[in-house]
mmCIF file of all heavy atoms, coordinates in Angstrom:
data_MODEL
# 
_entry.id   MODEL 
# 
loop_
_atom_site.group_PDB 
_atom_site.id 
_atom_site.type_symbol 
_atom_site.label_atom_id 
_atom_site.label_alt_id 
_atom_site.label_comp_id 
_atom_site.label_asym_id 
_atom_site.label_entity_id 
_atom_site.label_seq_id 
_atom_site.pdbx_PDB_ins_code 
_atom_site.Cartn_x 
_atom_site.Cartn_y 
_atom_site.Cartn_z 
_atom_site.occupancy 
_atom_site.B_iso_or_equiv 
_atom_site.pdbx_formal_charge 
_atom_site.auth_seq_id 
_atom_site.auth_comp_id 
_atom_site.auth_asym_id 
_atom_site.auth_atom_id 
_atom_site.pdbx_PDB_model_num 
ATOM 1   N N   . ALA A 1 1  ? 8.196   7.962   8.641   1.00 0.00 ? 1  ALA A N   1 
ATOM 2   C CA  . ALA A 1 1  ? 9.437   7.782   9.397   1.00 0.00 ? 1  ALA A CA  1 
ATOM 3   C C   . ALA A 1 1  ? 9.225   8.063   10.881  1.00 0.00 ? 1  ALA A C   1 
ATOM 4   O O   . ALA A 1 1  ? 9.747   7.356   11.751  1.00 0.00 ? 1  ALA A O   1 
ATOM 5   C CB  . ALA A 1 1  ? 10.522  8.693   8.827   1.00 0.00 ? 1  ALA A CB  1 
ATOM 6   N N   . GLU A 1 2  ? 8.445   9.108   11.191  1.00 0.00 ? 2  GLU A N   1 
ATOM 7   C CA  . GLU A 1 2  ? 8.206   9.459   12.590  1.00 0.00 ? 2  GLU A CA  1 
ATOM 8   C C   . GLU A 1 2  ? 7.361   8.406   13.304  1.00 0.00 ? 2  GLU A C   1 
ATOM 9   O O   . GLU A 1 2  ? 7.606   8.083   14.469  1.00 0.00 ? 2  GLU A O   1 
ATOM 10  C CB  . GLU A 1 2  ? 7.514   10.817  12.675  1.00 0.00 ? 2  GLU A CB  1 
ATOM 11  C CG  . GLU A 1 2  ? 7.294   11.302  14.100  1.00 0.00 ? 2  GLU A CG  1 
ATOM 12  C CD  . GLU A 1 2  ? 6.625   12.659  14.161  1.00 0.00 ? 2  GLU A CD  1 
ATOM 13  O OE1 . GLU A 1 2  ? 6.406   13.272  13.096  1.00 0.00 ? 2  GLU A OE1 1 
ATOM 14  O OE2 . GLU A 1 2  ? 6.297   13.111  15.279  1.00 0.00 ? 2  GLU A OE2 1 
ATOM 15  N N   . ALA A 1 3  ? 6.361   7.878   12.591  1.00 0.00 ? 3  ALA A N   1 
ATOM 16  C CA  . ALA A 1 3  ? 5.462   6.902   13.214  1.00 0.00 ? 3  ALA A CA  1 
ATOM 17  C C   . ALA A 1 3  ? 6.061   5.505   13.282  1.00 0.00 ? 3  ALA A C   1 
ATOM 18  O O   . ALA A 1 3  ? 5.650   4.699   14.112  1.00 0.00 ? 3  ALA A O   1 
ATOM 19  C CB  . ALA A 1 3  ? 4.139   6.860   12.447  1.00 0.00 ? 3  ALA A CB  1 
ATOM 20  N N   . GLY A 1 4  ? 7.018   5.222   12.406  1.00 0.00 ? 4  GLY A N   1 
ATOM 21  C CA  . GLY A 1 4  ? 7.653   3.908   12.444  1.00 0.00 ? 4  GLY A CA  1 
ATOM 22  C C   . GLY A 1 4  ? 6.950   2.851   11.622  1.00 0.00 ? 4  GLY A C   1 
ATOM 23  O O   . GLY A 1 4  ? 7.106   1.660   11.897  1.00 0.00 ? 4  GLY A O   1 
ATOM 24  N N   . VAL A 1 5  ? 6.162   3.264   10.590  1.00 0.00 ? 5  VAL A N   1 
ATOM 25  C CA  . VAL A 1 5  ? 5.536   2.264   9.732   1.00 0.00 ? 5  VAL A CA  1 
ATOM 26  C C   . VAL A 1 5  ? 6.569   1.719   8.759   1.00 0.00 ? 5  VAL A C   1 
ATOM 27  O O   . VAL A 1 5  ? 7.600   2.342   8.495   1.00 0.00 ? 5  VAL A O   1 
ATOM 28  C CB  . VAL A 1 5  ? 4.332   2.853   8.966   1.00 0.00 ? 5  VAL A CB  1 
ATOM 29  C CG1 . VAL A 1 5  ? 3.234   3.275   9.912   1.00 0.00 ? 5  VAL A CG1 1 
ATOM 30  C CG2 . VAL A 1 5  ? 4.753   4.028   8.098   1.00 0.00 ? 5  VAL A CG2 1 
ATOM 31  N N   . ASP A 1 6  ? 6.272   0.533   8.215   1.00 0.00 ? 6  ASP A N   1 
ATOM 32  C CA  . ASP A 1 6  ? 7.240   -0.119  7.336   1.00 0.00 ? 6  ASP A CA  1 
ATOM 33  C C   . ASP A 1 6  ? 7.247   0.457   5.927   1.00 0.00 ? 6  ASP A C   1 
ATOM 34  O O   . ASP A 1 6  ? 8.265   0.428   5.244   1.00 0.00 ? 6  ASP A O   1 
ATOM 35  C CB  . ASP A 1 6  ? 6.941   -1.623  7.273   1.00 0.00 ? 6  ASP A CB  1 
ATOM 36  C CG  . ASP A 1 6  ? 7.064   -2.275  8.633   1.00 0.00 ? 6  ASP A CG  1 
ATOM 37  O OD1 . ASP A 1 6  ? 8.078   -2.029  9.310   1.00 0.00 ? 6  ASP A OD1 1 
ATOM 38  O OD2 . ASP A 1 6  ? 6.146   -3.006  9.032   1.00 0.00 ? 6  ASP A OD2 1 
ATOM 39  N N   . ASP A 1 7  ? 6.095   0.974   5.470   1.00 0.00 ? 7  ASP A N   1 
ATOM 40  C CA  . ASP A 1 7  ? 6.021   1.500   4.108   1.00 0.00 ? 7  ASP A CA  1 
ATOM 41  C C   . ASP A 1 7  ? 4.857   2.488   4.048   1.00 0.00 ? 7  ASP A C   1 
ATOM 42  O O   . ASP A 1 7  ? 4.073   2.602   4.995   1.00 0.00 ? 7  ASP A O   1 
ATOM 43  C CB  . ASP A 1 7  ? 5.803   0.360   3.110   1.00 0.00 ? 7  ASP A CB  1 
ATOM 44  C CG  . ASP A 1 7  ? 6.231   0.736   1.692   1.00 0.00 ? 7  ASP A CG  1 
ATOM 45  O OD1 . ASP A 1 7  ? 6.605   1.913   1.466   1.00 0.00 ? 7  ASP A OD1 1 
ATOM 46  O OD2 . ASP A 1 7  ? 6.157   -0.146  0.808   1.00 0.00 ? 7  ASP A OD2 1 
ATOM 47  N N   . PHE A 1 8  ? 4.751   3.194   2.948   1.00 0.00 ? 8  PHE A N   1 
ATOM 48  C CA  . PHE A 1 8  ? 3.646   4.147   2.795   1.00 0.00 ? 8  PHE A CA  1 
ATOM 49  C C   . PHE A 1 8  ? 3.243   4.238   1.340   1.00 0.00 ? 8  PHE A C   1 
ATOM 50  O O   . PHE A 1 8  ? 4.024   3.928   0.429   1.00 0.00 ? 8  PHE A O   1 
ATOM 51  C CB  . PHE A 1 8  ? 4.026   5.532   3.334   1.00 0.00 ? 8  PHE A CB  1 
ATOM 52  C CG  . PHE A 1 8  ? 5.129   6.210   2.562   1.00 0.00 ? 8  PHE A CG  1 
ATOM 53  C CD1 . PHE A 1 8  ? 4.833   7.028   1.479   1.00 0.00 ? 8  PHE A CD1 1 
ATOM 54  C CD2 . PHE A 1 8  ? 6.459   6.026   2.917   1.00 0.00 ? 8  PHE A CD2 1 
ATOM 55  C CE1 . PHE A 1 8  ? 5.845   7.644   0.760   1.00 0.00 ? 8  PHE A CE1 1 
ATOM 56  C CE2 . PHE A 1 8  ? 7.476   6.643   2.212   1.00 0.00 ? 8  PHE A CE2 1 
ATOM 57  C CZ  . PHE A 1 8  ? 7.170   7.464   1.129   1.00 0.00 ? 8  PHE A CZ  1 
ATOM 58  N N   . LEU A 1 9  ? 1.987   4.656   1.135   1.00 0.00 ? 9  LEU A N   1 
ATOM 59  C CA  . LEU A 1 9  ? 1.473   4.923   -0.196  1.00 0.00 ? 9  LEU A CA  1 
ATOM 60  C C   . LEU A 1 9  ? 0.957   6.348   -0.190  1.00 0.00 ? 9  LEU A C   1 
ATOM 61  O O   . LEU A 1 9  ? -0.026  6.664   0.475   1.00 0.00 ? 9  LEU A O   1 
ATOM 62  C CB  . LEU A 1 9  ? 0.341   3.943   -0.549  1.00 0.00 ? 9  LEU A CB  1 
ATOM 63  C CG  . LEU A 1 9  ? -0.351  4.159   -1.905  1.00 0.00 ? 9  LEU A CG  1 
ATOM 64  C CD1 . LEU A 1 9  ? 0.640   3.925   -3.042  1.00 0.00 ? 9  LEU A CD1 1 
ATOM 65  C CD2 . LEU A 1 9  ? -1.554  3.236   -2.053  1.00 0.00 ? 9  LEU A CD2 1 
ATOM 66  N N   . ALA A 1 10 ? 1.655   7.244   -0.923  1.00 0.00 ? 10 ALA A N   1 
ATOM 67  C CA  . ALA A 1 10 ? 1.296   8.661   -0.942  1.00 0.00 ? 10 ALA A CA  1 
ATOM 68  C C   . ALA A 1 10 ? 0.363   8.957   -2.111  1.00 0.00 ? 10 ALA A C   1 
ATOM 69  O O   . ALA A 1 10 ? 0.337   8.235   -3.108  1.00 0.00 ? 10 ALA A O   1 
ATOM 70  C CB  . ALA A 1 10 ? 2.557   9.512   -1.042  1.00 0.00 ? 10 ALA A CB  1 
ATOM 71  N N   . GLU A 1 11 ? -0.402  10.062  -1.958  1.00 0.00 ? 11 GLU A N   1 
ATOM 72  C CA  . GLU A 1 11 ? -1.338  10.507  -2.987  1.00 0.00 ? 11 GLU A CA  1 
ATOM 73  C C   . GLU A 1 11 ? -2.192  9.339   -3.482  1.00 0.00 ? 11 GLU A C   1 
ATOM 74  O O   . GLU A 1 11 ? -2.376  9.121   -4.681  1.00 0.00 ? 11 GLU A O   1 
ATOM 75  C CB  . GLU A 1 11 ? -0.578  11.161  -4.138  1.00 0.00 ? 11 GLU A CB  1 
ATOM 76  C CG  . GLU A 1 11 ? 0.216   12.398  -3.693  1.00 0.00 ? 11 GLU A CG  1 
ATOM 77  C CD  . GLU A 1 11 ? 1.015   13.020  -4.818  1.00 0.00 ? 11 GLU A CD  1 
ATOM 78  O OE1 . GLU A 1 11 ? 1.042   12.428  -5.925  1.00 0.00 ? 11 GLU A OE1 1 
ATOM 79  O OE2 . GLU A 1 11 ? 1.612   14.089  -4.612  1.00 0.00 ? 11 GLU A OE2 1 
ATOM 80  N N   . ALA A 1 12 ? -2.694  8.560   -2.516  1.00 0.00 ? 12 ALA A N   1 
ATOM 81  C CA  . ALA A 1 12 ? -3.392  7.317   -2.829  1.00 0.00 ? 12 ALA A CA  1 
ATOM 82  C C   . ALA A 1 12 ? -4.771  7.581   -3.422  1.00 0.00 ? 12 ALA A C   1 
ATOM 83  O O   . ALA A 1 12 ? -5.535  8.392   -2.911  1.00 0.00 ? 12 ALA A O   1 
ATOM 84  C CB  . ALA A 1 12 ? -3.520  6.462   -1.572  1.00 0.00 ? 12 ALA A CB  1 
ATOM 85  N N   . THR A 1 13 ? -5.091  6.890   -4.477  1.00 0.00 ? 13 THR A N   1 
ATOM 86  C CA  . THR A 1 13 ? -6.423  6.897   -5.084  1.00 0.00 ? 13 THR A CA  1 
ATOM 87  C C   . THR A 1 13 ? -7.070  5.536   -4.809  1.00 0.00 ? 13 THR A C   1 
ATOM 88  O O   . THR A 1 13 ? -6.386  4.570   -4.459  1.00 0.00 ? 13 THR A O   1 
ATOM 89  C CB  . THR A 1 13 ? -6.334  7.120   -6.598  1.00 0.00 ? 13 THR A CB  1 
ATOM 90  O OG1 . THR A 1 13 ? -5.637  6.001   -7.188  1.00 0.00 ? 13 THR A OG1 1 
ATOM 91  C CG2 . THR A 1 13 ? -5.581  8.407   -6.914  1.00 0.00 ? 13 THR A CG2 1 
ATOM 92  N N   . PRO A 1 14 ? -8.401  5.430   -4.969  1.00 0.00 ? 14 PRO A N   1 
ATOM 93  C CA  . PRO A 1 14 ? -9.049  4.129   -4.758  1.00 0.00 ? 14 PRO A CA  1 
ATOM 94  C C   . PRO A 1 14 ? -8.442  3.014   -5.605  1.00 0.00 ? 14 PRO A C   1 
ATOM 95  O O   . PRO A 1 14 ? -8.266  1.888   -5.126  1.00 0.00 ? 14 PRO A O   1 
ATOM 96  C CB  . PRO A 1 14 ? -10.507 4.408   -5.153  1.00 0.00 ? 14 PRO A CB  1 
ATOM 97  C CG  . PRO A 1 14 ? -10.692 5.864   -4.858  1.00 0.00 ? 14 PRO A CG  1 
ATOM 98  C CD  . PRO A 1 14 ? -9.377  6.506   -5.188  1.00 0.00 ? 14 PRO A CD  1 
ATOM 99  N N   . ASP A 1 15 ? -8.103  3.316   -6.861  1.00 0.00 ? 15 ASP A N   1 
ATOM 100 C CA  . ASP A 1 15 ? -7.501  2.300   -7.727  1.00 0.00 ? 15 ASP A CA  1 
ATOM 101 C C   . ASP A 1 15 ? -6.139  1.865   -7.213  1.00 0.00 ? 15 ASP A C   1 
ATOM 102 O O   . ASP A 1 15 ? -5.787  0.673   -7.278  1.00 0.00 ? 15 ASP A O   1 
ATOM 103 C CB  . ASP A 1 15 ? -7.366  2.831   -9.154  1.00 0.00 ? 15 ASP A CB  1 
ATOM 104 C CG  . ASP A 1 15 ? -8.719  2.969   -9.847  1.00 0.00 ? 15 ASP A CG  1 
ATOM 105 O OD1 . ASP A 1 15 ? -9.677  2.345   -9.373  1.00 0.00 ? 15 ASP A OD1 1 
ATOM 106 O OD2 . ASP A 1 15 ? -8.794  3.713   -10.849 1.00 0.00 ? 15 ASP A OD2 1 
ATOM 107 N N   . GLU A 1 16 ? -5.373  2.816   -6.695  1.00 0.00 ? 16 GLU A N   1 
ATOM 108 C CA  . GLU A 1 16 ? -4.041  2.476   -6.175  1.00 0.00 ? 16 GLU A CA  1 
ATOM 109 C C   . GLU A 1 16 ? -4.141  1.638   -4.899  1.00 0.00 ? 16 GLU A C   1 
ATOM 110 O O   . GLU A 1 16 ? -3.331  0.738   -4.667  1.00 0.00 ? 16 GLU A O   1 
ATOM 111 C CB  . GLU A 1 16 ? -3.245  3.759   -5.924  1.00 0.00 ? 16 GLU A CB  1 
ATOM 112 C CG  . GLU A 1 16 ? -2.813  4.451   -7.209  1.00 0.00 ? 16 GLU A CG  1 
ATOM 113 C CD  . GLU A 1 16 ? -2.177  5.808   -6.954  1.00 0.00 ? 16 GLU A CD  1 
ATOM 114 O OE1 . GLU A 1 16 ? -2.491  6.407   -5.904  1.00 0.00 ? 16 GLU A OE1 1 
ATOM 115 O OE2 . GLU A 1 16 ? -1.385  6.265   -7.799  1.00 0.00 ? 16 GLU A OE2 1 
ATOM 116 N N   . LYS A 1 17 ? -5.128  1.937   -4.047  1.00 0.00 ? 17 LYS A N   1 
ATOM 117 C CA  . LYS A 1 17 ? -5.338  1.103   -2.854  1.00 0.00 ? 17 LYS A CA  1 
ATOM 118 C C   . LYS A 1 17 ? -5.650  -0.336  -3.257  1.00 0.00 ? 17 LYS A C   1 
ATOM 119 O O   . LYS A 1 17 ? -5.109  -1.286  -2.701  1.00 0.00 ? 17 LYS A O   1 
ATOM 120 C CB  . LYS A 1 17 ? -6.499  1.653   -2.013  1.00 0.00 ? 17 LYS A CB  1 
ATOM 121 C CG  . LYS A 1 17 ? -6.220  2.956   -1.297  1.00 0.00 ? 17 LYS A CG  1 
ATOM 122 C CD  . LYS A 1 17 ? -7.442  3.354   -0.466  1.00 0.00 ? 17 LYS A CD  1 
ATOM 123 C CE  . LYS A 1 17 ? -7.254  4.700   0.195   1.00 0.00 ? 17 LYS A CE  1 
ATOM 124 N NZ  . LYS A 1 17 ? -8.451  5.097   0.982   1.00 0.00 ? 17 LYS A NZ  1 
ATOM 125 N N   . LEU A 1 18 ? -6.556  -0.479  -4.218  1.00 0.00 ? 18 LEU A N   1 
ATOM 126 C CA  . LEU A 1 18 ? -6.950  -1.810  -4.681  1.00 0.00 ? 18 LEU A CA  1 
ATOM 127 C C   . LEU A 1 18 ? -5.767  -2.549  -5.288  1.00 0.00 ? 18 LEU A C   1 
ATOM 128 O O   . LEU A 1 18 ? -5.565  -3.750  -5.020  1.00 0.00 ? 18 LEU A O   1 
ATOM 129 C CB  . LEU A 1 18 ? -8.082  -1.673  -5.703  1.00 0.00 ? 18 LEU A CB  1 
ATOM 130 C CG  . LEU A 1 18 ? -8.733  -2.975  -6.198  1.00 0.00 ? 18 LEU A CG  1 
ATOM 131 C CD1 . LEU A 1 18 ? -9.351  -3.734  -5.039  1.00 0.00 ? 18 LEU A CD1 1 
ATOM 132 C CD2 . LEU A 1 18 ? -9.779  -2.657  -7.259  1.00 0.00 ? 18 LEU A CD2 1 
ATOM 133 N N   . ALA A 1 19 ? -4.973  -1.835  -6.065  1.00 0.00 ? 19 ALA A N   1 
ATOM 134 C CA  . ALA A 1 19 ? -3.806  -2.455  -6.696  1.00 0.00 ? 19 ALA A CA  1 
ATOM 135 C C   . ALA A 1 19 ? -2.793  -2.896  -5.642  1.00 0.00 ? 19 ALA A C   1 
ATOM 136 O O   . ALA A 1 19 ? -2.180  -3.971  -5.768  1.00 0.00 ? 19 ALA A O   1 
ATOM 137 C CB  . ALA A 1 19 ? -3.163  -1.475  -7.676  1.00 0.00 ? 19 ALA A CB  1 
ATOM 138 N N   . LEU A 1 20 ? -2.617  -2.096  -4.587  1.00 0.00 ? 20 LEU A N   1 
ATOM 139 C CA  . LEU A 1 20 ? -1.678  -2.451  -3.528  1.00 0.00 ? 20 LEU A CA  1 
ATOM 140 C C   . LEU A 1 20 ? -2.131  -3.712  -2.796  1.00 0.00 ? 20 LEU A C   1 
ATOM 141 O O   . LEU A 1 20 ? -1.314  -4.600  -2.494  1.00 0.00 ? 20 LEU A O   1 
ATOM 142 C CB  . LEU A 1 20 ? -1.545  -1.289  -2.542  1.00 0.00 ? 20 LEU A CB  1 
ATOM 143 C CG  . LEU A 1 20 ? -0.665  -1.534  -1.307  1.00 0.00 ? 20 LEU A CG  1 
ATOM 144 C CD1 . LEU A 1 20 ? 0.767   -1.869  -1.731  1.00 0.00 ? 20 LEU A CD1 1 
ATOM 145 C CD2 . LEU A 1 20 ? -0.683  -0.321  -0.382  1.00 0.00 ? 20 LEU A CD2 1 
ATOM 146 N N   . ILE A 1 21 ? -3.426  -3.816  -2.522  1.00 0.00 ? 21 ILE A N   1 
ATOM 147 C CA  . ILE A 1 21 ? -3.944  -5.004  -1.833  1.00 0.00 ? 21 ILE A CA  1 
ATOM 148 C C   . ILE A 1 21 ? -3.733  -6.251  -2.689  1.00 0.00 ? 21 ILE A C   1 
ATOM 149 O O   . ILE A 1 21 ? -3.283  -7.295  -2.200  1.00 0.00 ? 21 ILE A O   1 
ATOM 150 C CB  . ILE A 1 21 ? -5.438  -4.815  -1.498  1.00 0.00 ? 21 ILE A CB  1 
ATOM 151 C CG1 . ILE A 1 21 ? -5.607  -3.722  -0.447  1.00 0.00 ? 21 ILE A CG1 1 
ATOM 152 C CG2 . ILE A 1 21 ? -6.053  -6.120  -1.007  1.00 0.00 ? 21 ILE A CG2 1 
ATOM 153 C CD1 . ILE A 1 21 ? -7.048  -3.357  -0.171  1.00 0.00 ? 21 ILE A CD1 1 
ATOM 154 N N   . LYS A 1 22 ? -4.051  -6.144  -3.970  1.00 0.00 ? 22 LYS A N   1 
ATOM 155 C CA  . LYS A 1 22 ? -3.879  -7.294  -4.867  1.00 0.00 ? 22 LYS A CA  1 
ATOM 156 C C   . LYS A 1 22 ? -2.408  -7.701  -4.963  1.00 0.00 ? 22 LYS A C   1 
ATOM 157 O O   . LYS A 1 22 ? -2.081  -8.899  -4.998  1.00 0.00 ? 22 LYS A O   1 
ATOM 158 C CB  . LYS A 1 22 ? -4.425  -6.962  -6.255  1.00 0.00 ? 22 LYS A CB  1 
ATOM 159 C CG  . LYS A 1 22 ? -5.945  -6.869  -6.310  1.00 0.00 ? 22 LYS A CG  1 
ATOM 160 C CD  . LYS A 1 22 ? -6.427  -6.563  -7.721  1.00 0.00 ? 22 LYS A CD  1 
ATOM 161 C CE  . LYS A 1 22 ? -7.944  -6.541  -7.783  1.00 0.00 ? 22 LYS A CE  1 
ATOM 162 N NZ  . LYS A 1 22 ? -8.444  -6.228  -9.155  1.00 0.00 ? 22 LYS A NZ  1 
ATOM 163 N N   . LYS A 1 23 ? -1.521  -6.717  -4.985  1.00 0.00 ? 23 LYS A N   1 
ATOM 164 C CA  . LYS A 1 23 ? -0.089  -7.014  -5.060  1.00 0.00 ? 23 LYS A CA  1 
ATOM 165 C C   . LYS A 1 23 ? 0.371   -7.777  -3.815  1.00 0.00 ? 23 LYS A C   1 
ATOM 166 O O   . LYS A 1 23 ? 1.131   -8.750  -3.918  1.00 0.00 ? 23 LYS A O   1 
ATOM 167 C CB  . LYS A 1 23 ? 0.696   -5.707  -5.204  1.00 0.00 ? 23 LYS A CB  1 
ATOM 168 C CG  . LYS A 1 23 ? 2.198   -5.906  -5.269  1.00 0.00 ? 23 LYS A CG  1 
ATOM 169 C CD  . LYS A 1 23 ? 2.929   -4.563  -5.367  1.00 0.00 ? 23 LYS A CD  1 
ATOM 170 C CE  . LYS A 1 23 ? 4.434   -4.749  -5.359  1.00 0.00 ? 23 LYS A CE  1 
ATOM 171 N NZ  . LYS A 1 23 ? 5.153   -3.435  -5.408  1.00 0.00 ? 23 LYS A NZ  1 
ATOM 172 N N   . GLU A 1 24 ? -0.089  -7.336  -2.652  1.00 0.00 ? 24 GLU A N   1 
ATOM 173 C CA  . GLU A 1 24 ? 0.273   -8.025  -1.409  1.00 0.00 ? 24 GLU A CA  1 
ATOM 174 C C   . GLU A 1 24 ? -0.290  -9.440  -1.396  1.00 0.00 ? 24 GLU A C   1 
ATOM 175 O O   . GLU A 1 24 ? 0.390   -10.390 -0.988  1.00 0.00 ? 24 GLU A O   1 
ATOM 176 C CB  . GLU A 1 24 ? -0.254  -7.239  -0.199  1.00 0.00 ? 24 GLU A CB  1 
ATOM 177 C CG  . GLU A 1 24 ? 0.406   -5.893  0.024   1.00 0.00 ? 24 GLU A CG  1 
ATOM 178 C CD  . GLU A 1 24 ? 1.832   -6.020  0.518   1.00 0.00 ? 24 GLU A CD  1 
ATOM 179 O OE1 . GLU A 1 24 ? 2.106   -6.942  1.301   1.00 0.00 ? 24 GLU A OE1 1 
ATOM 180 O OE2 . GLU A 1 24 ? 2.681   -5.199  0.117   1.00 0.00 ? 24 GLU A OE2 1 
ATOM 181 N N   . GLN A 1 25 ? -1.524  -9.592  -1.834  1.00 0.00 ? 25 GLN A N   1 
ATOM 182 C CA  . GLN A 1 25 ? -2.153  -10.921 -1.836  1.00 0.00 ? 25 GLN A CA  1 
ATOM 183 C C   . GLN A 1 25 ? -1.482  -11.848 -2.838  1.00 0.00 ? 25 GLN A C   1 
ATOM 184 O O   . GLN A 1 25 ? -1.345  -13.049 -2.571  1.00 0.00 ? 25 GLN A O   1 
ATOM 185 C CB  . GLN A 1 25 ? -3.649  -10.784 -2.138  1.00 0.00 ? 25 GLN A CB  1 
ATOM 186 C CG  . GLN A 1 25 ? -4.433  -10.131 -1.006  1.00 0.00 ? 25 GLN A CG  1 
ATOM 187 C CD  . GLN A 1 25 ? -5.866  -9.823  -1.384  1.00 0.00 ? 25 GLN A CD  1 
ATOM 188 O OE1 . GLN A 1 25 ? -6.179  -9.598  -2.555  1.00 0.00 ? 25 GLN A OE1 1 
ATOM 189 N NE2 . GLN A 1 25 ? -6.754  -9.785  -0.399  1.00 0.00 ? 25 GLN A NE2 1 
ATOM 190 N N   . ASP A 1 26 ? -1.069  -11.314 -3.973  1.00 0.00 ? 26 ASP A N   1 
ATOM 191 C CA  . ASP A 1 26 ? -0.350  -12.127 -4.960  1.00 0.00 ? 26 ASP A CA  1 
ATOM 192 C C   . ASP A 1 26 ? 0.967   -12.635 -4.395  1.00 0.00 ? 26 ASP A C   1 
ATOM 193 O O   . ASP A 1 26 ? 1.476   -13.676 -4.833  1.00 0.00 ? 26 ASP A O   1 
ATOM 194 C CB  . ASP A 1 26 ? -0.091  -11.320 -6.236  1.00 0.00 ? 26 ASP A CB  1 
ATOM 195 C CG  . ASP A 1 26 ? -1.372  -11.040 -7.018  1.00 0.00 ? 26 ASP A CG  1 
ATOM 196 O OD1 . ASP A 1 26 ? -2.375  -11.739 -6.761  1.00 0.00 ? 26 ASP A OD1 1 
ATOM 197 O OD2 . ASP A 1 26 ? -1.384  -10.110 -7.858  1.00 0.00 ? 26 ASP A OD2 1 
ATOM 198 N N   . GLY A 1 27 ? 1.503   -11.898 -3.426  1.00 0.00 ? 27 GLY A N   1 
ATOM 199 C CA  . GLY A 1 27 ? 2.738   -12.327 -2.773  1.00 0.00 ? 27 GLY A CA  1 
ATOM 200 C C   . GLY A 1 27 ? 2.501   -13.280 -1.611  1.00 0.00 ? 27 GLY A C   1 
ATOM 201 O O   . GLY A 1 27 ? 3.432   -13.585 -0.858  1.00 0.00 ? 27 GLY A O   1 
ATOM 202 N N   . GLY A 1 28 ? 1.256   -13.749 -1.463  1.00 0.00 ? 28 GLY A N   1 
ATOM 203 C CA  . GLY A 1 28 ? 0.951   -14.728 -0.421  1.00 0.00 ? 28 GLY A CA  1 
ATOM 204 C C   . GLY A 1 28 ? 0.667   -14.126 0.936   1.00 0.00 ? 28 GLY A C   1 
ATOM 205 O O   . GLY A 1 28 ? 0.671   -14.847 1.943   1.00 0.00 ? 28 GLY A O   1 
# 
């Protein structure tokens, strides 16, 4: 909220990072 980013991923693990990227790419 302070930095002004649009979203965040907390307590991120390598698998969660990979899943987030794939989800974004699946959305075009």
